[in-house]
């Protein structure tokens, strides 16, 4: 019996089909990756929003009243002044070096 060989055209056609299938698979994986990244960002955003709400609630509970939007720059200036005068705010909230929350852990580069 003779050896069954495919023509060059048949082999090229098979490779083209394989490339097409792999391209579709790549597109599917890229879509899945984008969806995962989107979910991750949404989750991070929810965590950050929750944290910011809790911080605002803590400040309002200490003041005993709601903070108005126009008072926020004053609060930021006050906290910055406390930090410039000896990092009083950081020292007050720091329990130990192990629990010191760094800006990177918060996902922020600083207050703007």
PDB file of N, CA and C in Angstrom:
ATOM      1  N   UNK A   1       0.832  -1.180   0.000  1.00  0.00           N
ATOM      2  CA  UNK A   1       0.000   0.000   0.000  1.00  0.00           C
ATOM      3  C   UNK A   1       0.876   1.243   0.000  1.00  0.00           C
ATOM      4  N   UNK A   2       0.428   2.208  -0.702  1.00  0.00           N
ATOM      5  CA  UNK A   2       1.179   3.448  -0.817  1.00  0.00           C
ATOM      6  C   UNK A   2       0.897   4.386   0.349  1.00  0.00           C
ATOM      7  N   UNK A   3       1.783   5.265   0.531  1.00  0.00           N
ATOM      8  CA  UNK A   3       1.676   6.247   1.603  1.00  0.00           C
ATOM      9  C   UNK A   3       0.673   7.322   1.189  1.00  0.00           C
ATOM     10  N   UNK A   4      -0.291   7.605   2.089  1.00  0.00           N
ATOM     11  CA  UNK A   4      -1.301   8.615   1.801  1.00  0.00           C
ATOM     12  C   UNK A   4      -0.727   9.982   2.150  1.00  0.00           C
ATOM     13  N   UNK A   5      -0.467  10.758   1.154  1.00  0.00           N
ATOM     14  CA  UNK A   5       0.088  12.083   1.394  1.00  0.00           C
ATOM     15  C   UNK A   5      -0.898  13.135   0.923  1.00  0.00           C
ATOM     16  N   UNK A   6      -0.870  14.239   1.629  1.00  0.00           N
ATOM     17  CA  UNK A   6      -1.736  15.348   1.270  1.00  0.00           C
ATOM     18  C   UNK A   6      -0.939  16.295   0.395  1.00  0.00           C
ATOM     19  N   UNK A   7      -1.668  16.970  -0.427  1.00  0.00           N
ATOM     20  CA  UNK A   7      -1.002  17.943  -1.285  1.00  0.00           C
ATOM     21  C   UNK A   7      -0.620  19.165  -0.447  1.00  0.00           C
ATOM     22  N   UNK A   8       0.244  19.964  -1.002  1.00  0.00           N
ATOM     23  CA  UNK A   8       0.646  21.186  -0.313  1.00  0.00           C
ATOM     24  C   UNK A   8      -0.564  22.079  -0.055  1.00  0.00           C
ATOM     25  N   UNK A   9      -1.456  22.139  -1.017  1.00  0.00           N
ATOM     26  CA  UNK A   9      -2.650  22.979  -0.872  1.00  0.00           C
ATOM     27  C   UNK A   9      -3.510  22.506   0.293  1.00  0.00           C
ATOM     28  N   UNK A  10      -3.667  21.194   0.437  1.00  0.00           N
ATOM     29  CA  UNK A  10      -4.461  20.651   1.544  1.00  0.00           C
ATOM     30  C   UNK A  10      -3.797  20.957   2.888  1.00  0.00           C
ATOM     31  N   UNK A  11      -2.498  20.818   2.940  1.00  0.00           N
ATOM     32  CA  UNK A  11      -1.782  21.097   4.183  1.00  0.00           C
ATOM     33  C   UNK A  11      -1.836  22.589   4.530  1.00  0.00           C
ATOM     34  N   UNK A  12      -1.715  23.430   3.509  1.00  0.00           N
ATOM     35  CA  UNK A  12      -1.825  24.876   3.729  1.00  0.00           C
ATOM     36  C   UNK A  12      -3.226  25.221   4.228  1.00  0.00           C
ATOM     37  N   UNK A  13      -4.223  24.594   3.622  1.00  0.00           N
ATOM     38  CA  UNK A  13      -5.606  24.836   4.018  1.00  0.00           C
ATOM     39  C   UNK A  13      -5.841  24.402   5.476  1.00  0.00           C
ATOM     40  N   UNK A  14      -5.265  23.277   5.873  1.00  0.00           N
ATOM     41  CA  UNK A  14      -5.383  22.811   7.258  1.00  0.00           C
ATOM     42  C   UNK A  14      -4.742  23.812   8.221  1.00  0.00           C
ATOM     43  N   UNK A  15      -3.591  24.319   7.837  1.00  0.00           N
ATOM     44  CA  UNK A  15      -2.906  25.296   8.685  1.00  0.00           C
ATOM     45  C   UNK A  15      -3.717  26.586   8.791  1.00  0.00           C
ATOM     46  N   UNK A  16      -4.321  27.003   7.682  1.00  0.00           N
ATOM     47  CA  UNK A  16      -5.170  28.192   7.711  1.00  0.00           C
ATOM     48  C   UNK A  16      -6.358  27.996   8.652  1.00  0.00           C
ATOM     49  N   UNK A  17      -6.967  26.812   8.611  1.00  0.00           N
ATOM     50  CA  UNK A  17      -8.082  26.510   9.505  1.00  0.00           C
ATOM     51  C   UNK A  17      -7.623  26.529  10.967  1.00  0.00           C
ATOM     52  N   UNK A  18      -6.464  25.959  11.203  1.00  0.00           N
ATOM     53  CA  UNK A  18      -5.911  25.929  12.566  1.00  0.00           C
ATOM     54  C   UNK A  18      -5.631  27.354  13.062  1.00  0.00           C
ATOM     55  N   UNK A  19      -5.081  28.172  12.191  1.00  0.00           N
ATOM     56  CA  UNK A  19      -4.813  29.572  12.543  1.00  0.00           C
ATOM     57  C   UNK A  19      -6.118  30.289  12.869  1.00  0.00           C
ATOM     58  N   UNK A  20      -7.148  30.054  12.075  1.00  0.00           N
ATOM     59  CA  UNK A  20      -8.447  30.688  12.295  1.00  0.00           C
ATOM     60  C   UNK A  20      -9.042  30.265  13.645  1.00  0.00           C
ATOM     61  N   UNK A  21      -8.957  28.969  13.952  1.00  0.00           N
ATOM     62  CA  UNK A  21      -9.475  28.473  15.232  1.00  0.00           C
ATOM     63  C   UNK A  21      -8.700  29.076  16.401  1.00  0.00           C
ATOM     64  N   UNK A  22      -7.387  29.143  16.259  1.00  0.00           N
ATOM     65  CA  UNK A  22      -6.569  29.715  17.324  1.00  0.00           C
ATOM     66  C   UNK A  22      -6.842  31.207  17.495  1.00  0.00           C
ATOM     67  N   UNK A  23      -7.092  31.900  16.392  1.00  0.00           N
ATOM     68  CA  UNK A  23      -7.406  33.326  16.462  1.00  0.00           C
ATOM     69  C   UNK A  23      -8.727  33.543  17.205  1.00  0.00           C
ATOM     70  N   UNK A  24      -9.703  32.676  16.941  1.00  0.00           N
ATOM     71  CA  UNK A  24     -10.980  32.763  17.647  1.00  0.00           C
ATOM     72  C   UNK A  24     -10.793  32.467  19.133  1.00  0.00           C
ATOM     73  N   UNK A  25      -9.968  31.477  19.428  1.00  0.00           N
ATOM     74  CA  UNK A  25      -9.697  31.124  20.818  1.00  0.00           C
ATOM     75  C   UNK A  25      -8.974  32.276  21.529  1.00  0.00           C
ATOM     76  N   UNK A  26      -8.016  32.883  20.848  1.00  0.00           N
ATOM     77  CA  UNK A  26      -7.296  34.026  21.410  1.00  0.00           C
ATOM     78  C   UNK A  26      -8.266  35.168  21.710  1.00  0.00           C
ATOM     79  N   UNK A  27      -9.162  35.433  20.780  1.00  0.00           N
ATOM     80  CA  UNK A  27     -10.142  36.499  20.971  1.00  0.00           C
ATOM     81  C   UNK A  27     -11.031  36.203  22.175  1.00  0.00           C
ATOM     82  N   UNK A  28     -11.423  34.938  22.327  1.00  0.00           N
ATOM     83  CA  UNK A  28     -12.260  34.535  23.455  1.00  0.00           C
ATOM     84  C   UNK A  28     -11.513  34.743  24.778  1.00  0.00           C
ATOM     85  N   UNK A  29     -10.239  34.345  24.819  1.00  0.00           N
ATOM     86  CA  UNK A  29      -9.444  34.519  26.033  1.00  0.00           C
ATOM     87  C   UNK A  29      -9.219  35.996  26.350  1.00  0.00           C
ATOM     88  N   UNK A  30      -9.003  36.802  25.327  1.00  0.00           N
ATOM     89  CA  UNK A  30      -8.823  38.238  25.548  1.00  0.00           C
ATOM     90  C   UNK A  30     -10.093  38.861  26.121  1.00  0.00           C
ATOM     91  N   UNK A  31     -11.253  38.422  25.621  1.00  0.00           N
ATOM     92  CA  UNK A  31     -12.530  38.911  26.135  1.00  0.00           C
ATOM     93  C   UNK A  31     -12.707  38.506  27.592  1.00  0.00           C
ATOM     94  N   UNK A  32     -12.381  37.256  27.913  1.00  0.00           N
ATOM     95  CA  UNK A  32     -12.487  36.784  29.293  1.00  0.00           C
ATOM     96  C   UNK A  32     -11.555  37.572  30.211  1.00  0.00           C
ATOM     97  N   UNK A  33     -10.352  37.863  29.723  1.00  0.00           N
ATOM     98  CA  UNK A  33      -9.388  38.630  30.513  1.00  0.00           C
ATOM     99  C   UNK A  33      -9.925  40.033  30.789  1.00  0.00           C
ATOM    100  N   UNK A  34     -10.496  40.671  29.765  1.00  0.00           N
ATOM    101  CA  UNK A  34     -11.057  42.010  29.944  1.00  0.00           C
ATOM    102  C   UNK A  34     -12.192  41.994  30.960  1.00  0.00           C
ATOM    103  N   UNK A  35     -13.028  40.948  30.908  1.00  0.00           N
ATOM    104  CA  UNK A  35     -14.132  40.844  31.858  1.00  0.00           C
ATOM    105  C   UNK A  35     -13.608  40.681  33.284  1.00  0.00           C
ATOM    106  N   UNK A  36     -12.574  39.866  33.452  1.00  0.00           N
ATOM    107  CA  UNK A  36     -11.978  39.683  34.778  1.00  0.00           C
ATOM    108  C   UNK A  36     -11.371  40.985  35.293  1.00  0.00           C
ATOM    109  N   UNK A  37     -10.667  41.700  34.418  1.00  0.00           N
ATOM    110  CA  UNK A  37     -10.076  42.981  34.816  1.00  0.00           C
ATOM    111  C   UNK A  37     -11.161  43.980  35.203  1.00  0.00           C
ATOM    112  N   UNK A  38     -12.257  43.973  34.461  1.00  0.00           N
ATOM    113  CA  UNK A  38     -13.371  44.869  34.758  1.00  0.00           C
ATOM    114  C   UNK A  38     -13.971  44.536  36.122  1.00  0.00           C
ATOM    115  N   UNK A  39     -14.187  43.241  36.394  1.00  0.00           N
ATOM    116  CA  UNK A  39     -14.730  42.829  37.692  1.00  0.00           C
ATOM    117  C   UNK A  39     -13.787  43.200  38.830  1.00  0.00           C
ATOM    118  N   UNK A  40     -12.489  43.031  38.588  1.00  0.00           N
ATOM    119  CA  UNK A  40     -11.495  43.373  39.610  1.00  0.00           C
ATOM    120  C   UNK A  40     -11.556  44.864  39.930  1.00  0.00           C
ATOM    121  N   UNK A  41     -11.611  45.706  38.892  1.00  0.00           N
ATOM    122  CA  UNK A  41     -11.684  47.154  39.102  1.00  0.00           C
ATOM    123  C   UNK A  41     -12.965  47.541  39.834  1.00  0.00           C
ATOM    124  N   UNK A  42     -14.079  46.896  39.476  1.00  0.00           N
ATOM    125  CA  UNK A  42     -15.346  47.180  40.148  1.00  0.00           C
ATOM    126  C   UNK A  42     -15.260  46.829  41.627  1.00  0.00           C
ATOM    127  N   UNK A  43     -14.676  45.679  41.925  1.00  0.00           N
ATOM    128  CA  UNK A  43     -14.535  45.260  43.319  1.00  0.00           C
ATOM    129  C   UNK A  43     -13.624  46.216  44.087  1.00  0.00           C
ATOM    130  N   UNK A  44     -12.509  46.604  43.476  1.00  0.00           N
ATOM    131  CA  UNK A  44     -11.597  47.555  44.120  1.00  0.00           C
ATOM    132  C   UNK A  44     -12.286  48.895  44.356  1.00  0.00           C
ATOM    133  N   UNK A  45     -13.099  49.317  43.386  1.00  0.00           N
ATOM    134  CA  UNK A  45     -13.820  50.582  43.510  1.00  0.00           C
ATOM    135  C   UNK A  45     -14.831  50.507  44.665  1.00  0.00           C
ATOM    136  N   UNK A  46     -15.531  49.367  44.770  1.00  0.00           N
ATOM    137  CA  UNK A  46     -16.499  49.196  45.857  1.00  0.00           C
ATOM    138  C   UNK A  46     -15.806  49.228  47.214  1.00  0.00           C
ATOM    139  N   UNK A  47     -14.661  48.557  47.315  1.00  0.00           N
ATOM    140  CA  UNK A  47     -13.911  48.535  48.577  1.00  0.00           C
ATOM    141  C   UNK A  47     -13.454  49.944  48.941  1.00  0.00           C
ATOM    142  N   UNK A  48     -12.926  50.670  47.955  1.00  0.00           N
ATOM    143  CA  UNK A  48     -12.448  52.038  48.201  1.00  0.00           C
ATOM    144  C   UNK A  48     -13.606  52.942  48.602  1.00  0.00           C
ATOM    145  N   UNK A  49     -14.725  52.839  47.889  1.00  0.00           N
ATOM    146  CA  UNK A  49     -15.892  53.659  48.203  1.00  0.00           C
ATOM    147  C   UNK A  49     -16.370  53.384  49.626  1.00  0.00           C
ATOM    148  N   UNK A  50     -16.438  52.116  49.997  1.00  0.00           N
ATOM    149  CA  UNK A  50     -16.868  51.743  51.346  1.00  0.00           C
ATOM    150  C   UNK A  50     -15.926  52.339  52.395  1.00  0.00           C
ATOM    151  N   UNK A  51     -14.632  52.240  52.136  1.00  0.00           N
ATOM    152  CA  UNK A  51     -13.635  52.778  53.060  1.00  0.00           C
ATOM    153  C   UNK A  51     -13.792  54.290  53.199  1.00  0.00           C
ATOM    154  N   UNK A  52     -13.975  54.980  52.084  1.00  0.00           N
ATOM    155  CA  UNK A  52     -14.131  56.440  52.125  1.00  0.00           C
ATOM    156  C   UNK A  52     -15.403  56.849  52.863  1.00  0.00           C
ATOM    157  N   UNK A  53     -16.462  56.087  52.674  1.00  0.00           N
ATOM    158  CA  UNK A  53     -17.712  56.371  53.382  1.00  0.00           C
ATOM    159  C   UNK A  53     -17.518  56.197  54.882  1.00  0.00           C
ATOM    160  N   UNK A  54     -16.821  55.140  55.266  1.00  0.00           N
ATOM    161  CA  UNK A  54     -16.571  54.907  56.691  1.00  0.00           C
ATOM    162  C   UNK A  54     -15.713  56.017  57.296  1.00  0.00           C
ATOM    163  N   UNK A  55     -14.722  56.481  56.550  1.00  0.00           N
ATOM    164  CA  UNK A  55     -13.879  57.581  57.042  1.00  0.00           C
ATOM    165  C   UNK A  55     -14.721  58.841  57.227  1.00  0.00           C
ATOM    166  N   UNK A  56     -15.539  59.152  56.238  1.00  0.00           N
ATOM    167  CA  UNK A  56     -16.413  60.322  56.343  1.00  0.00           C
ATOM    168  C   UNK A  56     -17.382  60.198  57.510  1.00  0.00           C
ATOM    169  N   UNK A  57     -17.924  59.012  57.707  1.00  0.00           N
ATOM    170  CA  UNK A  57     -18.848  58.787  58.820  1.00  0.00           C
ATOM    171  C   UNK A  57     -18.136  58.952  60.157  1.00  0.00           C
ATOM    172  N   UNK A  58     -16.891  58.492  60.228  1.00  0.00           N
ATOM    173  CA  UNK A  58     -16.125  58.637  61.471  1.00  0.00           C
ATOM    174  C   UNK A  58     -15.881  60.110  61.779  1.00  0.00           C
ATOM    175  N   UNK A  59     -15.515  60.880  60.760  1.00  0.00           N
ATOM    176  CA  UNK A  59     -15.268  62.313  60.961  1.00  0.00           C
ATOM    177  C   UNK A  59     -16.554  63.005  61.402  1.00  0.00           C
ATOM    178  N   UNK A  60     -17.659  62.681  60.741  1.00  0.00           N
ATOM    179  CA  UNK A  60     -18.933  63.300  61.105  1.00  0.00           C
ATOM    180  C   UNK A  60     -19.374  62.899  62.509  1.00  0.00           C
ATOM    181  N   UNK A  61     -19.074  61.666  62.921  1.00  0.00           N
ATOM    182  CA  UNK A  61     -19.461  61.247  64.272  1.00  0.00           C
ATOM    183  C   UNK A  61     -18.658  62.002  65.324  1.00  0.00           C
ATOM    184  N   UNK A  62     -17.393  62.298  65.031  1.00  0.00           N
ATOM    185  CA  UNK A  62     -16.572  63.069  65.967  1.00  0.00           C
ATOM    186  C   UNK A  62     -17.080  64.509  66.044  1.00  0.00           C
ATOM    187  N   UNK A  63     -17.418  65.075  64.894  1.00  0.00           N
ATOM    188  CA  UNK A  63     -17.915  66.456  64.874  1.00  0.00           C
ATOM    189  C   UNK A  63     -19.339  66.564  65.419  1.00  0.00           C
ATOM    190  N   UNK A  64     -20.069  65.480  65.324  1.00  0.00           N
ATOM    191  CA  UNK A  64     -21.458  65.495  65.785  1.00  0.00           C
ATOM    192  C   UNK A  64     -22.407  66.162  64.809  1.00  0.00           C
ATOM    193  N   UNK A  65     -21.958  66.323  63.583  1.00  0.00           N
ATOM    194  CA  UNK A  65     -22.798  66.939  62.551  1.00  0.00           C
ATOM    195  C   UNK A  65     -22.273  66.540  61.175  1.00  0.00           C
ATOM    196  N   UNK A  66     -23.071  66.839  60.172  1.00  0.00           N
ATOM    197  CA  UNK A  66     -22.658  66.547  58.797  1.00  0.00           C
ATOM    198  C   UNK A  66     -21.621  67.572  58.340  1.00  0.00           C
ATOM    199  N   UNK A  67     -20.715  67.108  57.509  1.00  0.00           N
ATOM    200  CA  UNK A  67     -19.722  68.005  56.918  1.00  0.00           C
ATOM    201  C   UNK A  67     -20.284  68.517  55.602  1.00  0.00           C
ATOM    202  N   UNK A  68     -20.215  69.813  55.421  1.00  0.00           N
ATOM    203  CA  UNK A  68     -20.663  70.405  54.166  1.00  0.00           C
ATOM    204  C   UNK A  68     -19.527  70.318  53.147  1.00  0.00           C
ATOM    205  N   UNK A  69     -19.870  70.279  51.881  1.00  0.00           N
ATOM    206  CA  UNK A  69     -18.858  70.162  50.826  1.00  0.00           C
ATOM    207  C   UNK A  69     -17.825  71.283  50.879  1.00  0.00           C
ATOM    208  N   UNK A  70     -18.278  72.482  51.216  1.00  0.00           N
ATOM    209  CA  UNK A  70     -17.330  73.601  51.251  1.00  0.00           C
ATOM    210  C   UNK A  70     -16.370  73.511  52.439  1.00  0.00           C
ATOM    211  N   UNK A  71     -16.645  72.625  53.397  1.00  0.00           N
ATOM    212  CA  UNK A  71     -15.757  72.447  54.546  1.00  0.00           C
ATOM    213  C   UNK A  71     -14.636  71.435  54.286  1.00  0.00           C
ATOM    214  N   UNK A  72     -14.754  70.666  53.234  1.00  0.00           N
ATOM    215  CA  UNK A  72     -13.759  69.623  52.942  1.00  0.00           C
ATOM    216  C   UNK A  72     -12.369  70.212  52.722  1.00  0.00           C
ATOM    217  N   UNK A  73     -12.217  71.295  51.955  1.00  0.00           N
ATOM    218  CA  UNK A  73     -10.868  71.867  51.821  1.00  0.00           C
ATOM    219  C   UNK A  73     -10.268  72.292  53.169  1.00  0.00           C
ATOM    220  N   UNK A  74     -11.116  72.780  54.085  1.00  0.00           N
ATOM    221  CA  UNK A  74     -10.628  73.154  55.418  1.00  0.00           C
ATOM    222  C   UNK A  74     -10.133  71.923  56.176  1.00  0.00           C
ATOM    223  N   UNK A  75     -10.872  70.835  56.064  1.00  0.00           N
ATOM    224  CA  UNK A  75     -10.472  69.587  56.727  1.00  0.00           C
ATOM    225  C   UNK A  75      -9.144  69.083  56.163  1.00  0.00           C
ATOM    226  N   UNK A  76      -9.012  69.122  54.856  1.00  0.00           N
ATOM    227  CA  UNK A  76      -7.765  68.683  54.212  1.00  0.00           C
ATOM    228  C   UNK A  76      -6.608  69.576  54.650  1.00  0.00           C
ATOM    229  N   UNK A  77      -6.837  70.883  54.674  1.00  0.00           N
ATOM    230  CA  UNK A  77      -5.787  71.817  55.102  1.00  0.00           C
ATOM    231  C   UNK A  77      -5.396  71.546  56.551  1.00  0.00           C
ATOM    232  N   UNK A  78      -6.386  71.285  57.405  1.00  0.00           N
ATOM    233  CA  UNK A  78      -6.106  70.989  58.810  1.00  0.00           C
ATOM    234  C   UNK A  78      -5.256  69.727  58.941  1.00  0.00           C
ATOM    235  N   UNK A  79      -5.637  68.670  58.226  1.00  0.00           N
ATOM    236  CA  UNK A  79      -4.875  67.416  58.297  1.00  0.00           C
ATOM    237  C   UNK A  79      -3.465  67.599  57.748  1.00  0.00           C
ATOM    238  N   UNK A  80      -3.334  68.334  56.659  1.00  0.00           N
ATOM    239  CA  UNK A  80      -2.001  68.608  56.103  1.00  0.00           C
ATOM    240  C   UNK A  80      -1.142  69.394  57.092  1.00  0.00           C
ATOM    241  N   UNK A  81      -1.764  70.350  57.792  1.00  0.00           N
ATOM    242  CA  UNK A  81      -1.025  71.145  58.778  1.00  0.00           C
ATOM    243  C   UNK A  81      -0.568  70.254  59.934  1.00  0.00           C
ATOM    244  N   UNK A  82      -1.435  69.349  60.364  1.00  0.00           N
ATOM    245  CA  UNK A  82      -1.073  68.428  61.443  1.00  0.00           C
ATOM    246  C   UNK A  82       0.113  67.553  61.026  1.00  0.00           C
ATOM    247  N   UNK A  83       0.104  67.116  59.789  1.00  0.00           N
ATOM    248  CA  UNK A  83       1.204  66.285  59.283  1.00  0.00           C
ATOM    249  C   UNK A  83       2.494  67.100  59.183  1.00  0.00           C
ATOM    250  N   UNK A  84       2.378  68.334  58.707  1.00  0.00           N
ATOM    251  CA  UNK A  84       3.563  69.189  58.556  1.00  0.00           C
ATOM    252  C   UNK A  84       4.161  69.568  59.909  1.00  0.00           C
ATOM    253  N   UNK A  85       3.324  69.667  60.929  1.00  0.00           N
ATOM    254  CA  UNK A  85       3.781  70.074  62.260  1.00  0.00           C
ATOM    255  C   UNK A  85       4.316  68.915  63.096  1.00  0.00           C
ATOM    256  N   UNK A  86       4.412  67.750  62.547  1.00  0.00           N
ATOM    257  CA  UNK A  86       4.957  66.641  63.333  1.00  0.00           C
ATOM    258  C   UNK A  86       4.227  65.330  63.128  1.00  0.00           C
ATOM    259  N   UNK A  87       3.541  65.222  62.041  1.00  0.00           N
ATOM    260  CA  UNK A  87       2.827  63.998  61.703  1.00  0.00           C
ATOM    261  C   UNK A  87       1.906  63.549  62.847  1.00  0.00           C
ATOM    262  N   UNK A  88       1.217  64.508  63.445  1.00  0.00           N
ATOM    263  CA  UNK A  88       0.344  64.208  64.575  1.00  0.00           C
ATOM    264  C   UNK A  88      -0.784  63.252  64.188  1.00  0.00           C
ATOM    265  N   UNK A  89      -1.358  63.468  63.028  1.00  0.00           N
ATOM    266  CA  UNK A  89      -2.461  62.607  62.599  1.00  0.00           C
ATOM    267  C   UNK A  89      -1.971  61.183  62.369  1.00  0.00           C
ATOM    268  N   UNK A  90      -0.861  61.034  61.659  1.00  0.00           N
ATOM    269  CA  UNK A  90      -0.310  59.698  61.393  1.00  0.00           C
ATOM    270  C   UNK A  90       0.035  58.984  62.693  1.00  0.00           C
ATOM    271  N   UNK A  91       0.650  59.712  63.624  1.00  0.00           N
ATOM    272  CA  UNK A  91       1.022  59.115  64.908  1.00  0.00           C
ATOM    273  C   UNK A  91      -0.215  58.721  65.707  1.00  0.00           C
ATOM    274  N   UNK A  92      -1.264  59.520  65.617  1.00  0.00           N
ATOM    275  CA  UNK A  92      -2.478  59.241  66.377  1.00  0.00           C
ATOM    276  C   UNK A  92      -3.180  57.982  65.891  1.00  0.00           C
ATOM    277  N   UNK A  93      -3.154  57.735  64.587  1.00  0.00           N
ATOM    278  CA  UNK A  93      -3.868  56.560  64.085  1.00  0.00           C
ATOM    279  C   UNK A  93      -2.980  55.336  63.956  1.00  0.00           C
ATOM    280  N   UNK A  94      -1.682  55.508  64.103  1.00  0.00           N
ATOM    281  CA  UNK A  94      -0.762  54.378  63.960  1.00  0.00           C
ATOM    282  C   UNK A  94      -0.737  53.588  65.261  1.00  0.00           C
ATOM    283  N   UNK A  95      -1.078  52.289  65.156  1.00  0.00           N
ATOM    284  CA  UNK A  95      -1.071  51.428  66.335  1.00  0.00           C
ATOM    285  C   UNK A  95       0.282  50.774  66.515  1.00  0.00           C
ATOM    286  N   UNK A  96       0.782  50.209  65.420  1.00  0.00           N
ATOM    287  CA  UNK A  96       2.102  49.585  65.446  1.00  0.00           C
ATOM    288  C   UNK A  96       2.630  49.568  64.024  1.00  0.00           C
ATOM    289  N   UNK A  97       3.926  49.328  63.847  1.00  0.00           N
ATOM    290  CA  UNK A  97       4.468  49.291  62.485  1.00  0.00           C
ATOM    291  C   UNK A  97       3.790  48.233  61.615  1.00  0.00           C
ATOM    292  N   UNK A  98       3.295  47.147  62.218  1.00  0.00           N
ATOM    293  CA  UNK A  98       2.646  46.086  61.446  1.00  0.00           C
ATOM    294  C   UNK A  98       1.293  46.520  60.900  1.00  0.00           C
ATOM    295  N   UNK A  99       0.606  47.400  61.622  1.00  0.00           N
ATOM    296  CA  UNK A  99      -0.732  47.799  61.193  1.00  0.00           C
ATOM    297  C   UNK A  99      -0.751  49.151  60.509  1.00  0.00           C
ATOM    298  N   UNK A 100       0.413  49.743  60.313  1.00  0.00           N
ATOM    299  CA  UNK A 100       0.487  51.030  59.637  1.00  0.00           C
ATOM    300  C   UNK A 100       0.032  50.860  58.198  1.00  0.00           C
ATOM    301  N   UNK A 101      -1.040  51.547  57.827  1.00  0.00           N
ATOM    302  CA  UNK A 101      -1.561  51.414  56.472  1.00  0.00           C
ATOM    303  C   UNK A 101      -0.827  52.374  55.559  1.00  0.00           C
ATOM    304  N   UNK A 102      -0.156  51.826  54.562  1.00  0.00           N
ATOM    305  CA  UNK A 102       0.561  52.655  53.595  1.00  0.00           C
ATOM    306  C   UNK A 102      -0.386  53.082  52.489  1.00  0.00           C
ATOM    307  N   UNK A 103       0.000  54.141  51.782  1.00  0.00           N
ATOM    308  CA  UNK A 103      -0.820  54.643  50.689  1.00  0.00           C
ATOM    309  C   UNK A 103      -0.988  53.595  49.605  1.00  0.00           C
ATOM    310  N   UNK A 104       0.047  52.772  49.365  1.00  0.00           N
ATOM    311  CA  UNK A 104      -0.039  51.750  48.324  1.00  0.00           C
ATOM    312  C   UNK A 104      -1.119  50.732  48.662  1.00  0.00           C
ATOM    313  N   UNK A 105      -1.295  50.428  49.957  1.00  0.00           N
ATOM    314  CA  UNK A 105      -2.313  49.475  50.356  1.00  0.00           C
ATOM    315  C   UNK A 105      -3.706  50.034  50.110  1.00  0.00           C
ATOM    316  N   UNK A 106      -3.841  51.342  50.167  1.00  0.00           N
ATOM    317  CA  UNK A 106      -5.124  51.984  49.942  1.00  0.00           C
ATOM    318  C   UNK A 106      -5.412  52.146  48.456  1.00  0.00           C
ATOM    319  N   UNK A 107      -4.398  51.959  47.636  1.00  0.00           N
ATOM    320  CA  UNK A 107      -4.579  52.137  46.207  1.00  0.00           C
ATOM    321  C   UNK A 107      -4.580  53.593  45.797  1.00  0.00           C
ATOM    322  N   UNK A 108      -3.979  54.439  46.632  1.00  0.00           N
ATOM    323  CA  UNK A 108      -3.942  55.861  46.330  1.00  0.00           C
ATOM    324  C   UNK A 108      -2.513  56.348  46.350  1.00  0.00           C
ATOM    325  N   UNK A 109      -2.266  57.384  45.599  1.00  0.00           N
ATOM    326  CA  UNK A 109      -0.928  57.965  45.588  1.00  0.00           C
ATOM    327  C   UNK A 109      -0.842  59.172  46.508  1.00  0.00           C
ATOM    328  N   UNK A 110      -1.949  59.586  47.069  1.00  0.00           N
ATOM    329  CA  UNK A 110      -1.930  60.723  47.983  1.00  0.00           C
ATOM    330  C   UNK A 110      -3.166  61.568  47.817  1.00  0.00           C
ATOM    331  N   UNK A 111      -3.297  62.566  48.659  1.00  0.00           N
ATOM    332  CA  UNK A 111      -4.444  63.466  48.617  1.00  0.00           C
ATOM    333  C   UNK A 111      -4.167  64.575  47.629  1.00  0.00           C
ATOM    334  N   UNK A 112      -5.145  64.843  46.791  1.00  0.00           N
ATOM    335  CA  UNK A 112      -4.959  65.921  45.813  1.00  0.00           C
ATOM    336  C   UNK A 112      -5.721  67.146  46.202  1.00  0.00           C
TER     337      UNK A 112
END
